[in-house]
């Protein structure tokens, strides 16, 4: 029982830390940059061109750097139905 209590207290502590981070301004700013493609005043944004079509991809934000827990993270892209079928049969 003591071991289980210790394990639950550690889990509870971790959840409190996570909740604290999720309520922080740093997390909110990071989510705004990642999901809403927002930027601070005075910042410059670089567009990345698709090598195949030569057009800029504005719908897919580029890699996010220098954010705790989000190193080299790309937002998830929704798979199209043909992509799902391809994965189903060939992966």
C-alpha atoms as a PDB file:
ATOM      1  CA  UNK A   1       0.000   0.000   0.000  1.00  0.00           C
ATOM      2  CA  UNK A   2       2.833   2.411   0.835  1.00  0.00           C
ATOM      3  CA  UNK A   3       4.403   1.818  -2.580  1.00  0.00           C
ATOM      4  CA  UNK A   4       1.093   2.464  -4.301  1.00  0.00           C
ATOM      5  CA  UNK A   5       0.590   5.665  -2.272  1.00  0.00           C
ATOM      6  CA  UNK A   6       4.096   6.854  -3.244  1.00  0.00           C
ATOM      7  CA  UNK A   7       3.439   6.073  -6.922  1.00  0.00           C
ATOM      8  CA  UNK A   8       0.097   7.910  -6.903  1.00  0.00           C
ATOM      9  CA  UNK A   9       1.654  10.923  -5.144  1.00  0.00           C
ATOM     10  CA  UNK A  10       4.410  11.066  -7.788  1.00  0.00           C
ATOM     11  CA  UNK A  11       1.808  10.884 -10.540  1.00  0.00           C
ATOM     12  CA  UNK A  12      -0.234  13.603  -8.826  1.00  0.00           C
ATOM     13  CA  UNK A  13       2.864  15.798  -8.559  1.00  0.00           C
ATOM     14  CA  UNK A  14       3.585  15.333 -12.249  1.00  0.00           C
ATOM     15  CA  UNK A  15       0.016  16.212 -13.164  1.00  0.00           C
ATOM     16  CA  UNK A  16       0.204  19.378 -11.041  1.00  0.00           C
ATOM     17  CA  UNK A  17       3.379  20.419 -12.871  1.00  0.00           C
ATOM     18  CA  UNK A  18       1.728  19.736 -16.228  1.00  0.00           C
ATOM     19  CA  UNK A  19      -1.374  21.733 -15.246  1.00  0.00           C
ATOM     20  CA  UNK A  20       0.841  24.599 -14.116  1.00  0.00           C
ATOM     21  CA  UNK A  21       2.688  24.591 -17.461  1.00  0.00           C
ATOM     22  CA  UNK A  22      -0.559  24.404 -19.450  1.00  0.00           C
ATOM     23  CA  UNK A  23      -1.795  27.518 -17.626  1.00  0.00           C
ATOM     24  CA  UNK A  24       1.447  29.445 -18.198  1.00  0.00           C
ATOM     25  CA  UNK A  25       1.847  32.306 -20.647  1.00  0.00           C
ATOM     26  CA  UNK A  26       4.696  30.403 -22.296  1.00  0.00           C
ATOM     27  CA  UNK A  27       2.411  27.509 -23.244  1.00  0.00           C
ATOM     28  CA  UNK A  28      -0.384  29.795 -24.439  1.00  0.00           C
ATOM     29  CA  UNK A  29       2.057  31.764 -26.596  1.00  0.00           C
ATOM     30  CA  UNK A  30       3.497  28.569 -28.027  1.00  0.00           C
ATOM     31  CA  UNK A  31       0.074  27.190 -28.923  1.00  0.00           C
ATOM     32  CA  UNK A  32      -0.909  30.503 -30.532  1.00  0.00           C
ATOM     33  CA  UNK A  33       2.245  30.408 -32.657  1.00  0.00           C
ATOM     34  CA  UNK A  34       1.837  26.751 -33.565  1.00  0.00           C
ATOM     35  CA  UNK A  35      -1.885  26.407 -34.158  1.00  0.00           C
ATOM     36  CA  UNK A  36      -2.940  29.929 -35.092  1.00  0.00           C
ATOM     37  CA  UNK A  37       0.238  30.984 -36.929  1.00  0.00           C
ATOM     38  CA  UNK A  38       0.511  34.141 -34.814  1.00  0.00           C
ATOM     39  CA  UNK A  39       3.673  36.161 -34.296  1.00  0.00           C
ATOM     40  CA  UNK A  40       4.870  38.932 -32.003  1.00  0.00           C
ATOM     41  CA  UNK A  41       5.128  42.543 -33.142  1.00  0.00           C
ATOM     42  CA  UNK A  42       8.461  43.127 -34.830  1.00  0.00           C
ATOM     43  CA  UNK A  43       9.059  39.458 -35.640  1.00  0.00           C
ATOM     44  CA  UNK A  44       9.649  38.357 -39.186  1.00  0.00           C
ATOM     45  CA  UNK A  45       8.172  35.162 -40.617  1.00  0.00           C
ATOM     46  CA  UNK A  46       9.912  33.175 -43.323  1.00  0.00           C
ATOM     47  CA  UNK A  47       7.865  31.265 -45.885  1.00  0.00           C
ATOM     48  CA  UNK A  48       9.073  27.875 -47.091  1.00  0.00           C
ATOM     49  CA  UNK A  49       8.437  26.955 -50.704  1.00  0.00           C
ATOM     50  CA  UNK A  50       7.429  23.486 -51.759  1.00  0.00           C
ATOM     51  CA  UNK A  51      10.290  22.130 -53.919  1.00  0.00           C
ATOM     52  CA  UNK A  52       7.871  20.318 -56.227  1.00  0.00           C
ATOM     53  CA  UNK A  53       5.297  22.995 -56.973  1.00  0.00           C
ATOM     54  CA  UNK A  54       7.390  26.076 -56.133  1.00  0.00           C
ATOM     55  CA  UNK A  55       4.550  27.610 -54.123  1.00  0.00           C
ATOM     56  CA  UNK A  56       4.586  28.658 -50.486  1.00  0.00           C
ATOM     57  CA  UNK A  57       2.793  26.434 -48.026  1.00  0.00           C
ATOM     58  CA  UNK A  58       0.988  28.763 -45.662  1.00  0.00           C
ATOM     59  CA  UNK A  59      -1.419  26.178 -44.325  1.00  0.00           C
ATOM     60  CA  UNK A  60       1.371  24.075 -42.803  1.00  0.00           C
ATOM     61  CA  UNK A  61       3.539  25.985 -40.300  1.00  0.00           C
ATOM     62  CA  UNK A  62       7.228  25.168 -40.446  1.00  0.00           C
ATOM     63  CA  UNK A  63       9.163  23.467 -37.687  1.00  0.00           C
ATOM     64  CA  UNK A  64       8.972  25.182 -34.311  1.00  0.00           C
ATOM     65  CA  UNK A  65      12.285  25.685 -32.503  1.00  0.00           C
ATOM     66  CA  UNK A  66      13.305  26.877 -29.050  1.00  0.00           C
ATOM     67  CA  UNK A  67      10.080  25.986 -27.277  1.00  0.00           C
ATOM     68  CA  UNK A  68      10.275  23.596 -24.322  1.00  0.00           C
ATOM     69  CA  UNK A  69       8.792  20.246 -25.258  1.00  0.00           C
ATOM     70  CA  UNK A  70       8.289  21.286 -28.869  1.00  0.00           C
ATOM     71  CA  UNK A  71      11.744  20.871 -30.362  1.00  0.00           C
ATOM     72  CA  UNK A  72      11.519  20.101 -34.058  1.00  0.00           C
ATOM     73  CA  UNK A  73       7.802  19.461 -33.758  1.00  0.00           C
ATOM     74  CA  UNK A  74       5.587  19.641 -36.780  1.00  0.00           C
ATOM     75  CA  UNK A  75       1.842  19.964 -36.371  1.00  0.00           C
ATOM     76  CA  UNK A  76      -0.092  16.878 -37.328  1.00  0.00           C
ATOM     77  CA  UNK A  77      -1.432  16.958 -40.858  1.00  0.00           C
ATOM     78  CA  UNK A  78      -4.820  15.379 -41.386  1.00  0.00           C
ATOM     79  CA  UNK A  79      -4.511  12.406 -43.705  1.00  0.00           C
ATOM     80  CA  UNK A  80      -6.661  12.266 -46.784  1.00  0.00           C
ATOM     81  CA  UNK A  81      -8.806   9.235 -47.432  1.00  0.00           C
ATOM     82  CA  UNK A  82      -6.543   7.890 -50.223  1.00  0.00           C
ATOM     83  CA  UNK A  83      -3.523   8.242 -47.899  1.00  0.00           C
ATOM     84  CA  UNK A  84      -5.325   6.240 -45.215  1.00  0.00           C
ATOM     85  CA  UNK A  85      -6.151   3.468 -47.706  1.00  0.00           C
ATOM     86  CA  UNK A  86      -2.562   3.415 -48.980  1.00  0.00           C
ATOM     87  CA  UNK A  87      -1.299   3.062 -45.408  1.00  0.00           C
ATOM     88  CA  UNK A  88      -3.839   0.348 -44.698  1.00  0.00           C
ATOM     89  CA  UNK A  89      -2.741  -1.801 -47.630  1.00  0.00           C
ATOM     90  CA  UNK A  90       0.977  -1.084 -47.855  1.00  0.00           C
ATOM     91  CA  UNK A  91       2.194  -0.320 -44.312  1.00  0.00           C
END
